[in-house]
């Protein structure tokens, strides 16, 4: 039996070797080189000199970096709770039996098939002053006087609103599908028993549906936090990180340091600080999930 098990394990390993080779080559090895790079003065052309922990020391005093970390954290706060609430509402609508059920599911999920660049340029078209779709609509219905414009992408608070709305519209479809799938896994017998006991729709939602969505909600929260911390393209296209870097996320700052200022060593150090932040958040979420599961 042990010989057969050993032979089966070796056969499985042979099939896994191509994947393991690619994974090590394109994931593990770049991570190792990234750690090495963070200890050097390293440009796009070549490795210049060993600086030890100097890049990390500079990072602790880099107010622009910590400001960009705060911007990413703010984006997490703006998008994560709103995303969860919106995804649950859409899933409830699409889960109700009606003639439009298939239509709802298609429409709610459709934006998520767009690439981030396409979605971002659509957002740019919508929120532009003078020629943008939103301002034109506000002019049309009379909520905005003809001689006034709202500069959605040029004022910090409005820019965050525009970026958040665009991100919610573009990404809610994935979370909507997860919630819809979780709702369909809830046994119908529970709902029937609750209705026989005289429970109202609101009581069924708060006492049955929402608690049974707790597991998927914790998973979506963790995924959404990580994804929000890695935001870059939609902000870069819509505002460029402005006005005055007030919407610049940490990924954009790292990119600017590495490829605009030609300092890959320092950019690598910043990247590993971001990795540490995400690792701590993921560990906390994992601990919270286990605690609630006990």
Protein backbone atom coordinates (compact mmCIF):
# COMPACT_ATOMS: atom_id res chain seq x y z
CA UNK A 1 0.00 0.00 0.00
CA UNK A 2 2.82 2.39 0.89
CA UNK A 3 4.52 1.65 -2.45
CA UNK A 4 1.32 2.37 -4.36
CA UNK A 5 0.78 5.60 -2.41
CA UNK A 6 4.37 6.68 -3.05
CA UNK A 7 3.94 5.90 -6.76
CA UNK A 8 0.69 7.88 -6.92
CA UNK A 9 2.35 10.84 -5.18
CA UNK A 10 5.24 10.78 -7.65
CA UNK A 11 2.85 10.67 -10.59
CA UNK A 12 0.95 13.64 -9.19
CA UNK A 13 4.24 15.50 -8.67
CA UNK A 14 5.21 14.92 -12.29
CA UNK A 15 1.96 16.52 -13.46
CA UNK A 16 2.47 19.43 -11.03
CA UNK A 17 6.07 20.14 -12.03
CA UNK A 18 5.26 22.37 -15.06
CA UNK A 19 2.99 24.54 -12.92
CA UNK A 20 5.49 24.63 -10.05
CA UNK A 21 8.26 25.65 -12.43
CA UNK A 22 6.19 28.51 -13.86
CA UNK A 23 5.02 29.57 -10.39
CA UNK A 24 8.56 29.66 -8.99
CA UNK A 25 9.89 31.45 -12.07
CA UNK A 26 7.25 34.17 -12.27
CA UNK A 27 6.14 34.52 -8.62
CA UNK A 28 8.63 33.21 -6.04
CA UNK A 29 11.80 34.31 -7.83
CA UNK A 30 10.59 37.89 -8.47
CA UNK A 31 9.61 38.13 -4.78
CA UNK A 32 13.12 37.07 -3.76
CA UNK A 33 14.69 39.55 -6.18
CA UNK A 34 12.34 42.24 -4.89
CA UNK A 35 13.60 41.74 -1.34
CA UNK A 36 17.18 41.96 -2.60
CA UNK A 37 16.35 45.07 -4.61
CA UNK A 38 14.97 46.85 -1.54
CA UNK A 39 18.45 46.83 0.04
CA UNK A 40 20.11 48.52 -2.94
CA UNK A 41 20.19 51.76 -4.82
CA UNK A 42 18.76 50.25 -8.00
CA UNK A 43 17.74 52.01 -11.20
CA UNK A 44 16.03 50.81 -14.36
CA UNK A 45 19.46 50.31 -15.91
CA UNK A 46 21.48 48.58 -13.21
CA UNK A 47 22.18 47.89 -9.56
CA UNK A 48 24.30 50.77 -8.21
CA UNK A 49 25.22 50.24 -4.56
CA UNK A 50 24.20 48.44 -1.38
CA UNK A 51 22.40 50.77 1.05
CA UNK A 52 21.17 48.27 3.64
CA UNK A 53 18.09 49.46 5.51
CA UNK A 54 18.37 53.03 4.26
CA UNK A 55 15.42 52.65 1.90
CA UNK A 56 13.26 51.51 4.81
CA UNK A 57 14.51 54.35 7.00
CA UNK A 58 13.67 56.86 4.25
CA UNK A 59 10.22 55.31 3.97
CA UNK A 60 9.44 55.99 7.63
CA UNK A 61 10.13 59.70 7.05
CA UNK A 62 8.38 59.91 3.67
CA UNK A 63 5.23 61.94 4.30
CA UNK A 64 4.12 61.54 0.67
CA UNK A 65 4.14 57.75 1.05
CA UNK A 66 2.10 57.78 4.24
CA UNK A 67 -0.28 60.27 2.69
CA UNK A 68 -0.83 57.88 -0.22
CA UNK A 69 -1.38 55.03 2.27
CA UNK A 70 -4.06 57.17 3.92
CA UNK A 71 -5.69 57.81 0.53
CA UNK A 72 -5.83 54.06 -0.12
CA UNK A 73 -7.26 53.48 3.35
CA UNK A 74 -9.87 56.18 2.70
CA UNK A 75 -10.81 54.44 -0.54
CA UNK A 76 -11.26 51.19 1.41
CA UNK A 77 -13.55 52.94 3.89
CA UNK A 78 -15.60 54.53 1.10
CA UNK A 79 -16.01 51.45 -1.07
CA UNK A 80 -16.05 48.35 1.14
CA UNK A 81 -19.16 48.96 3.31
CA UNK A 82 -21.03 50.53 0.39
CA UNK A 83 -20.08 47.64 -1.88
CA UNK A 84 -21.39 45.05 0.58
CA UNK A 85 -24.71 46.82 1.14
CA UNK A 86 -25.23 47.41 -2.59
CA UNK A 87 -24.33 43.82 -3.51
CA UNK A 88 -26.81 42.46 -0.95
CA UNK A 89 -29.60 44.73 -2.23
CA UNK A 90 -28.97 43.73 -5.85
CA UNK A 91 -28.84 40.05 -4.90
CA UNK A 92 -32.17 40.37 -3.08
CA UNK A 93 -33.75 41.99 -6.13
CA UNK A 94 -32.35 39.38 -8.52
CA UNK A 95 -33.30 36.49 -6.23
CA UNK A 96 -36.99 37.38 -6.19
CA UNK A 97 -39.09 35.32 -8.56
CA UNK A 98 -40.31 37.53 -11.38
CA UNK A 99 -40.35 37.76 -15.16
CA UNK A 100 -37.41 40.17 -15.03
CA UNK A 101 -35.20 37.90 -12.94
CA UNK A 102 -32.84 36.97 -15.79
CA UNK A 103 -32.76 40.59 -16.94
CA UNK A 104 -31.77 41.80 -13.48
CA UNK A 105 -28.98 39.24 -13.21
CA UNK A 106 -27.57 40.16 -16.61
CA UNK A 107 -27.72 43.92 -16.08
CA UNK A 108 -26.25 43.82 -12.58
CA UNK A 109 -23.33 41.63 -13.65
CA UNK A 110 -22.65 43.12 -17.08
CA UNK A 111 -20.35 46.05 -16.04
CA UNK A 112 -17.91 43.66 -14.36
CA UNK A 113 -16.95 42.14 -17.73
CA UNK A 114 -15.43 45.46 -18.82
CA UNK A 115 -11.71 46.03 -18.44
CA UNK A 116 -10.61 48.58 -15.88
CA UNK A 117 -9.39 50.90 -18.64
CA UNK A 118 -12.73 50.86 -20.48
CA UNK A 119 -14.67 51.43 -17.25
CA UNK A 120 -12.33 54.27 -16.26
CA UNK A 121 -12.68 56.08 -19.58
CA UNK A 122 -16.45 55.71 -19.30
CA UNK A 123 -16.18 57.34 -15.87
CA UNK A 124 -14.06 60.10 -17.37
CA UNK A 125 -16.74 60.71 -19.99
CA UNK A 126 -19.52 60.75 -17.38
CA UNK A 127 -17.88 63.11 -14.86
CA UNK A 128 -16.17 65.61 -17.20
CA UNK A 129 -17.36 69.23 -16.89
CA UNK A 130 -19.05 70.96 -19.85
CA UNK A 131 -19.29 67.85 -22.04
CA UNK A 132 -19.74 65.13 -19.41
CA UNK A 133 -22.87 63.01 -19.31
CA UNK A 134 -23.73 63.74 -15.67
CA UNK A 135 -23.47 67.52 -15.91
CA UNK A 136 -25.40 67.49 -19.18
CA UNK A 137 -28.16 65.47 -17.53
CA UNK A 138 -28.26 67.85 -14.55
CA UNK A 139 -28.55 70.78 -16.99
CA UNK A 140 -31.32 69.00 -18.88
CA UNK A 141 -33.53 68.39 -15.83
CA UNK A 142 -32.84 71.85 -14.41
CA UNK A 143 -30.94 70.88 -11.27
CA UNK A 144 -27.84 72.71 -12.52
CA UNK A 145 -28.07 76.23 -13.98
CA UNK A 146 -26.89 76.54 -17.57
CA UNK A 147 -24.00 78.85 -16.69
CA UNK A 148 -22.62 76.61 -13.92
CA UNK A 149 -20.57 73.43 -13.97
CA UNK A 150 -19.69 70.87 -11.31
CA UNK A 151 -16.01 69.96 -11.51
CA UNK A 152 -16.30 66.40 -10.29
CA UNK A 153 -12.69 65.45 -10.96
CA UNK A 154 -11.02 68.72 -9.91
CA UNK A 155 -12.25 69.03 -6.32
CA UNK A 156 -10.97 66.53 -3.77
CA UNK A 157 -14.26 65.55 -2.12
CA UNK A 158 -16.12 65.36 -5.43
CA UNK A 159 -13.28 63.40 -7.02
CA UNK A 160 -13.53 60.74 -4.31
CA UNK A 161 -17.28 60.54 -4.87
CA UNK A 162 -16.79 60.11 -8.62
CA UNK A 163 -14.09 57.45 -8.19
CA UNK A 164 -16.19 55.57 -5.64
CA UNK A 165 -19.32 55.60 -7.81
CA UNK A 166 -17.39 54.39 -10.84
CA UNK A 167 -15.73 51.61 -8.85
CA UNK A 168 -19.02 50.47 -7.32
CA UNK A 169 -20.73 50.35 -10.72
CA UNK A 170 -17.85 48.47 -12.31
CA UNK A 171 -17.06 45.90 -9.58
CA UNK A 172 -20.33 45.24 -7.76
CA UNK A 173 -21.29 42.51 -10.24
CA UNK A 174 -18.72 40.03 -8.89
CA UNK A 175 -19.84 40.45 -5.27
CA UNK A 176 -23.47 40.41 -6.39
CA UNK A 177 -22.96 36.97 -7.93
CA UNK A 178 -21.36 35.67 -4.72
CA UNK A 179 -24.26 36.89 -2.61
CA UNK A 180 -26.83 35.58 -5.07
CA UNK A 181 -25.21 32.15 -5.01
CA UNK A 182 -25.14 32.20 -1.19
CA UNK A 183 -28.81 33.17 -1.01
CA UNK A 184 -29.79 30.32 -3.31
CA UNK A 185 -27.97 27.90 -0.99
CA UNK A 186 -30.26 28.83 1.94
CA UNK A 187 -32.83 26.02 2.30
CA UNK A 188 -36.32 27.09 1.30
CA UNK A 189 -37.74 25.07 4.19
CA UNK A 190 -36.38 27.64 6.64
CA UNK A 191 -38.27 30.43 4.90
CA UNK A 192 -41.47 28.40 4.75
CA UNK A 193 -41.28 27.59 8.47
CA UNK A 194 -40.69 31.27 9.29
CA UNK A 195 -43.72 32.34 7.22
CA UNK A 196 -45.89 29.72 8.91
CA UNK A 197 -44.86 31.23 12.24
CA UNK A 198 -46.05 34.63 11.01
CA UNK A 199 -42.66 36.25 10.29
CA UNK A 200 -42.72 39.28 8.02
CA UNK A 201 -40.37 39.80 5.07
CA UNK A 202 -38.21 42.22 7.07
CA UNK A 203 -37.99 39.78 9.99
CA UNK A 204 -37.02 36.97 7.62
CA UNK A 205 -34.26 39.12 6.14
CA UNK A 206 -32.79 40.31 9.45
CA UNK A 207 -33.21 37.07 11.37
CA UNK A 208 -32.55 34.44 8.70
CA UNK A 209 -31.06 35.72 5.44
CA UNK A 210 -28.51 38.18 6.78
CA UNK A 211 -27.08 35.89 9.51
CA UNK A 212 -26.73 33.04 7.02
CA UNK A 213 -24.78 35.36 4.71
CA UNK A 214 -22.23 36.01 7.46
CA UNK A 215 -19.57 33.68 6.07
CA UNK A 216 -19.65 35.03 2.53
CA UNK A 217 -19.79 38.59 3.88
CA UNK A 218 -16.54 38.09 5.79
CA UNK A 219 -14.91 36.63 2.68
CA UNK A 220 -16.12 39.47 0.45
CA UNK A 221 -14.96 42.03 3.03
CA UNK A 222 -11.45 40.62 3.03
CA UNK A 223 -11.29 40.44 -0.78
CA UNK A 224 -12.70 43.95 -1.13
CA UNK A 225 -10.21 45.45 1.34
CA UNK A 226 -7.27 43.89 -0.47
CA UNK A 227 -8.60 44.91 -3.89
CA UNK A 228 -9.28 48.47 -2.71
CA UNK A 229 -5.76 48.84 -1.33
CA UNK A 230 -4.44 47.87 -4.75
CA UNK A 231 -6.50 50.47 -6.62
CA UNK A 232 -4.57 52.34 -9.29
CA UNK A 233 -5.83 52.41 -12.86
CA UNK A 234 -9.23 54.07 -12.43
CA UNK A 235 -7.78 56.82 -10.24
CA UNK A 236 -4.83 57.33 -12.57
CA UNK A 237 -7.08 57.66 -15.62
CA UNK A 238 -9.81 59.77 -14.02
CA UNK A 239 -7.82 62.19 -11.84
CA UNK A 240 -4.16 61.30 -12.26
CA UNK A 241 -3.99 61.27 -8.47
CA UNK A 242 -5.04 64.91 -8.28
CA UNK A 243 -5.97 67.52 -7.52
CA UNK A 244 -2.54 68.14 -5.95
CA UNK A 245 -2.04 64.42 -5.24
CA UNK A 246 -5.09 64.41 -2.94
CA UNK A 247 -6.43 61.19 -4.49
CA UNK A 248 -3.10 59.49 -5.23
CA UNK A 249 -3.19 55.89 -3.87
CA UNK A 250 -0.16 54.01 -2.59
CA UNK A 251 0.19 51.88 -5.73
CA UNK A 252 0.44 54.99 -7.89
CA UNK A 253 3.07 56.49 -5.57
CA UNK A 254 5.14 53.30 -5.74
CA UNK A 255 4.84 53.32 -9.54
CA UNK A 256 5.97 56.96 -9.69
CA UNK A 257 8.97 56.26 -7.48
CA UNK A 258 10.01 53.25 -9.52
CA UNK A 259 9.37 54.38 -13.07
CA UNK A 260 9.16 58.17 -12.94
CA UNK A 261 11.97 58.79 -10.45
CA UNK A 262 13.96 55.74 -11.58
CA UNK A 263 14.44 54.38 -8.04
CA UNK A 264 13.43 50.73 -8.10
CA UNK A 265 15.18 49.95 -4.82
CA UNK A 266 13.10 52.42 -2.86
CA UNK A 267 9.95 51.37 -4.74
CA UNK A 268 10.64 47.76 -3.74
CA UNK A 269 10.90 48.79 -0.08
CA UNK A 270 7.59 50.62 -0.33
CA UNK A 271 6.01 47.59 -2.00
CA UNK A 272 7.02 45.33 0.86
CA UNK A 273 5.59 47.76 3.38
CA UNK A 274 2.30 47.57 1.47
CA UNK A 275 2.64 43.79 1.50
CA UNK A 276 3.09 43.90 5.29
CA UNK A 277 -0.02 46.08 5.69
CA UNK A 278 -2.13 43.69 3.60
CA UNK A 279 -0.68 40.70 5.46
CA UNK A 280 -1.67 42.19 8.82
CA UNK A 281 -5.18 42.98 7.54
CA UNK A 282 -5.57 39.46 6.11
CA UNK A 283 -4.33 37.89 9.35
CA UNK A 284 -6.76 39.99 11.37
CA UNK A 285 -9.63 39.00 9.07
CA UNK A 286 -8.63 35.33 9.33
CA UNK A 287 -8.56 35.57 13.12
CA UNK A 288 -11.95 37.29 13.13
CA UNK A 289 -13.46 34.61 10.89
CA UNK A 290 -12.20 31.83 13.14
CA UNK A 291 -13.41 33.62 16.25
CA UNK A 292 -16.92 34.05 14.86
CA UNK A 293 -16.92 30.49 13.62
CA UNK A 294 -16.32 29.07 17.12
